[in-house]
Amino acid sequence: MGTLNNLRRSGPMVWFFERSARVLELETRYDNETSEYVVELRPPDVAAQTERFTDGAAFRKRLLALERSLSCQRWRRKGPPIILPDGWPNRTPSQ
């Protein structure tokens, strides 16, 4: 996945993962109101799961763990992430 610096320069990013005919979405963004990094996992057929991090290192660590976990479950990334227009910091986040 992209580095934190790349994520800061862009809007929210959505990665798509595929397994058989099912699609899972993983969105990363920065919440300017709470000064938190956000990971939202939207698996098929289950409610979305949202996690928030005030620390950039913990956020990065979680993204890497999610990517490993998805790979072990045979989810494969489908193309590059889609970058959405708004949402990354207008405030300086913690590293």
C-alpha atoms as a PDB file:
ATOM      1  CA  MET A   1       0.000   0.000   0.000  1.00  0.00           C
ATOM      2  CA  GLY A   2       1.069   3.591  -0.362  1.00  0.00           C
ATOM      3  CA  THR A   3       3.281   5.278   2.164  1.00  0.00           C
ATOM      4  CA  LEU A   4       1.846   7.673   4.720  1.00  0.00           C
ATOM      5  CA  ASN A   5       3.479  10.618   2.926  1.00  0.00           C
ATOM      6  CA  ASN A   6       1.743   9.619  -0.313  1.00  0.00           C
ATOM      7  CA  LEU A   7      -1.550   9.297   1.537  1.00  0.00           C
ATOM      8  CA  ARG A   8      -1.184  12.789   3.026  1.00  0.00           C
ATOM      9  CA  ARG A   9      -0.795  14.387  -0.395  1.00  0.00           C
ATOM     10  CA  SER A  10      -3.959  12.818  -1.748  1.00  0.00           C
ATOM     11  CA  GLY A  11      -7.551  12.421  -0.682  1.00  0.00           C
ATOM     12  CA  PRO A  12      -8.995   9.281   0.837  1.00  0.00           C
ATOM     13  CA  MET A  13      -7.917   6.143  -0.963  1.00  0.00           C
ATOM     14  CA  VAL A  14      -9.996   3.054  -1.640  1.00  0.00           C
ATOM     15  CA  TRP A  15      -8.363  -0.250  -2.480  1.00  0.00           C
ATOM     16  CA  PHE A  16     -10.398  -3.073  -3.976  1.00  0.00           C
ATOM     17  CA  PHE A  17      -9.640  -6.714  -3.235  1.00  0.00           C
ATOM     18  CA  GLU A  18     -11.179  -9.635  -5.066  1.00  0.00           C
ATOM     19  CA  ARG A  19     -11.728 -13.282  -4.187  1.00  0.00           C
ATOM     20  CA  SER A  20     -13.800 -15.346  -6.604  1.00  0.00           C
ATOM     21  CA  ALA A  21     -16.676 -13.038  -7.562  1.00  0.00           C
ATOM     22  CA  ARG A  22     -16.628 -11.153  -4.245  1.00  0.00           C
ATOM     23  CA  VAL A  23     -15.202  -7.684  -3.695  1.00  0.00           C
ATOM     24  CA  LEU A  24     -13.876  -6.193  -0.467  1.00  0.00           C
ATOM     25  CA  GLU A  25     -13.108  -2.462  -0.093  1.00  0.00           C
ATOM     26  CA  LEU A  26     -10.437  -0.937   2.137  1.00  0.00           C
ATOM     27  CA  GLU A  27     -10.617   2.838   2.583  1.00  0.00           C
ATOM     28  CA  THR A  28      -7.988   5.000   4.246  1.00  0.00           C
ATOM     29  CA  ARG A  29      -8.506   8.648   5.110  1.00  0.00           C
ATOM     30  CA  TYR A  30      -7.678  11.365   7.599  1.00  0.00           C
ATOM     31  CA  ASP A  31     -10.460  12.836   9.737  1.00  0.00           C
ATOM     32  CA  ASN A  32      -9.698  16.545  10.076  1.00  0.00           C
ATOM     33  CA  GLU A  33     -12.346  17.019  12.769  1.00  0.00           C
ATOM     34  CA  THR A  34     -10.784  14.498  15.160  1.00  0.00           C
ATOM     35  CA  SER A  35      -7.173  14.568  13.838  1.00  0.00           C
ATOM     36  CA  GLU A  36      -7.273  10.787  13.374  1.00  0.00           C
ATOM     37  CA  TYR A  37      -6.229   8.386  10.651  1.00  0.00           C
ATOM     38  CA  VAL A  38      -9.133   6.132   9.665  1.00  0.00           C
ATOM     39  CA  VAL A  39      -9.215   2.639   8.177  1.00  0.00           C
ATOM     40  CA  GLU A  40     -12.578   1.356   7.009  1.00  0.00           C
ATOM     41  CA  LEU A  41     -12.857  -2.247   5.883  1.00  0.00           C
ATOM     42  CA  ARG A  42     -15.989  -3.104   3.919  1.00  0.00           C
ATOM     43  CA  PRO A  43     -16.187  -6.855   3.351  1.00  0.00           C
ATOM     44  CA  PRO A  44     -19.005  -8.313   1.285  1.00  0.00           C
ATOM     45  CA  ASP A  45     -22.106  -9.403   3.188  1.00  0.00           C
ATOM     46  CA  VAL A  46     -21.014  -7.989   6.578  1.00  0.00           C
ATOM     47  CA  ALA A  47     -21.089  -4.605   8.255  1.00  0.00           C
ATOM     48  CA  ALA A  48     -18.181  -2.242   7.663  1.00  0.00           C
ATOM     49  CA  GLN A  49     -15.486  -2.117  10.340  1.00  0.00           C
ATOM     50  CA  THR A  50     -13.901   1.239  11.207  1.00  0.00           C
ATOM     51  CA  GLU A  51     -10.681   1.755  13.137  1.00  0.00           C
ATOM     52  CA  ARG A  52      -9.175   5.117  14.174  1.00  0.00           C
ATOM     53  CA  PHE A  53      -5.578   6.000  15.010  1.00  0.00           C
ATOM     54  CA  THR A  54      -4.053   9.165  16.440  1.00  0.00           C
ATOM     55  CA  ASP A  55      -0.567   7.856  15.719  1.00  0.00           C
ATOM     56  CA  GLY A  56       0.751   7.557  12.155  1.00  0.00           C
ATOM     57  CA  ALA A  57       3.065   4.644  13.011  1.00  0.00           C
ATOM     58  CA  ALA A  58       0.183   2.602  14.481  1.00  0.00           C
ATOM     59  CA  PHE A  59      -1.914   3.411  11.399  1.00  0.00           C
ATOM     60  CA  ARG A  60       0.883   2.200   9.066  1.00  0.00           C
ATOM     61  CA  LYS A  61       1.389  -0.941  11.142  1.00  0.00           C
ATOM     62  CA  ARG A  62      -2.332  -1.761  10.968  1.00  0.00           C
ATOM     63  CA  LEU A  63      -2.426  -1.275   7.180  1.00  0.00           C
ATOM     64  CA  LEU A  64       0.487  -3.680   6.727  1.00  0.00           C
ATOM     65  CA  ALA A  65      -1.167  -6.225   9.020  1.00  0.00           C
ATOM     66  CA  LEU A  66      -4.447  -5.930   7.095  1.00  0.00           C
ATOM     67  CA  GLU A  67      -2.684  -6.396   3.780  1.00  0.00           C
ATOM     68  CA  ARG A  68      -0.911  -9.549   5.075  1.00  0.00           C
ATOM     69  CA  SER A  69      -4.145 -10.896   6.538  1.00  0.00           C
ATOM     70  CA  LEU A  70      -6.089 -10.320   3.332  1.00  0.00           C
ATOM     71  CA  SER A  71      -3.350 -11.993   1.304  1.00  0.00           C
ATOM     72  CA  CYS A  72      -3.397 -15.040   3.614  1.00  0.00           C
ATOM     73  CA  GLN A  73      -7.177 -15.223   3.104  1.00  0.00           C
ATOM     74  CA  ARG A  74      -6.556 -15.247  -0.668  1.00  0.00           C
ATOM     75  CA  TRP A  75      -7.896 -11.746  -1.291  1.00  0.00           C
ATOM     76  CA  ARG A  76      -6.019 -10.192  -4.226  1.00  0.00           C
ATOM     77  CA  ARG A  77      -5.692  -6.469  -4.825  1.00  0.00           C
ATOM     78  CA  LYS A  78      -7.568  -5.414  -7.950  1.00  0.00           C
ATOM     79  CA  GLY A  79      -5.743  -2.549  -9.633  1.00  0.00           C
ATOM     80  CA  PRO A  80      -4.413   0.636  -8.081  1.00  0.00           C
ATOM     81  CA  PRO A  81      -6.279   2.491  -5.350  1.00  0.00           C
ATOM     82  CA  ILE A  82      -8.953   4.990  -6.279  1.00  0.00           C
ATOM     83  CA  ILE A  83      -8.094   8.405  -4.852  1.00  0.00           C
ATOM     84  CA  LEU A  84     -11.096  10.399  -3.661  1.00  0.00           C
ATOM     85  CA  PRO A  85     -10.974  14.221  -3.817  1.00  0.00           C
ATOM     86  CA  ASP A  86     -11.263  15.313  -0.158  1.00  0.00           C
ATOM     87  CA  GLY A  87     -10.331  14.288   3.338  1.00  0.00           C
ATOM     88  CA  TRP A  88      -6.608  14.342   4.038  1.00  0.00           C
ATOM     89  CA  PRO A  89      -5.189  16.772   6.523  1.00  0.00           C
ATOM     90  CA  ASN A  90      -5.867  20.433   6.655  1.00  0.00           C
ATOM     91  CA  ARG A  91      -4.274  20.055  10.092  1.00  0.00           C
ATOM     92  CA  THR A  92      -0.855  18.560  10.712  1.00  0.00           C
ATOM     93  CA  PRO A  93      -1.227  14.914  11.783  1.00  0.00           C
ATOM     94  CA  SER A  94       1.065  13.208  14.261  1.00  0.00           C
ATOM     95  CA  GLN A  95       3.736  11.035  12.696  1.00  0.00           C
END
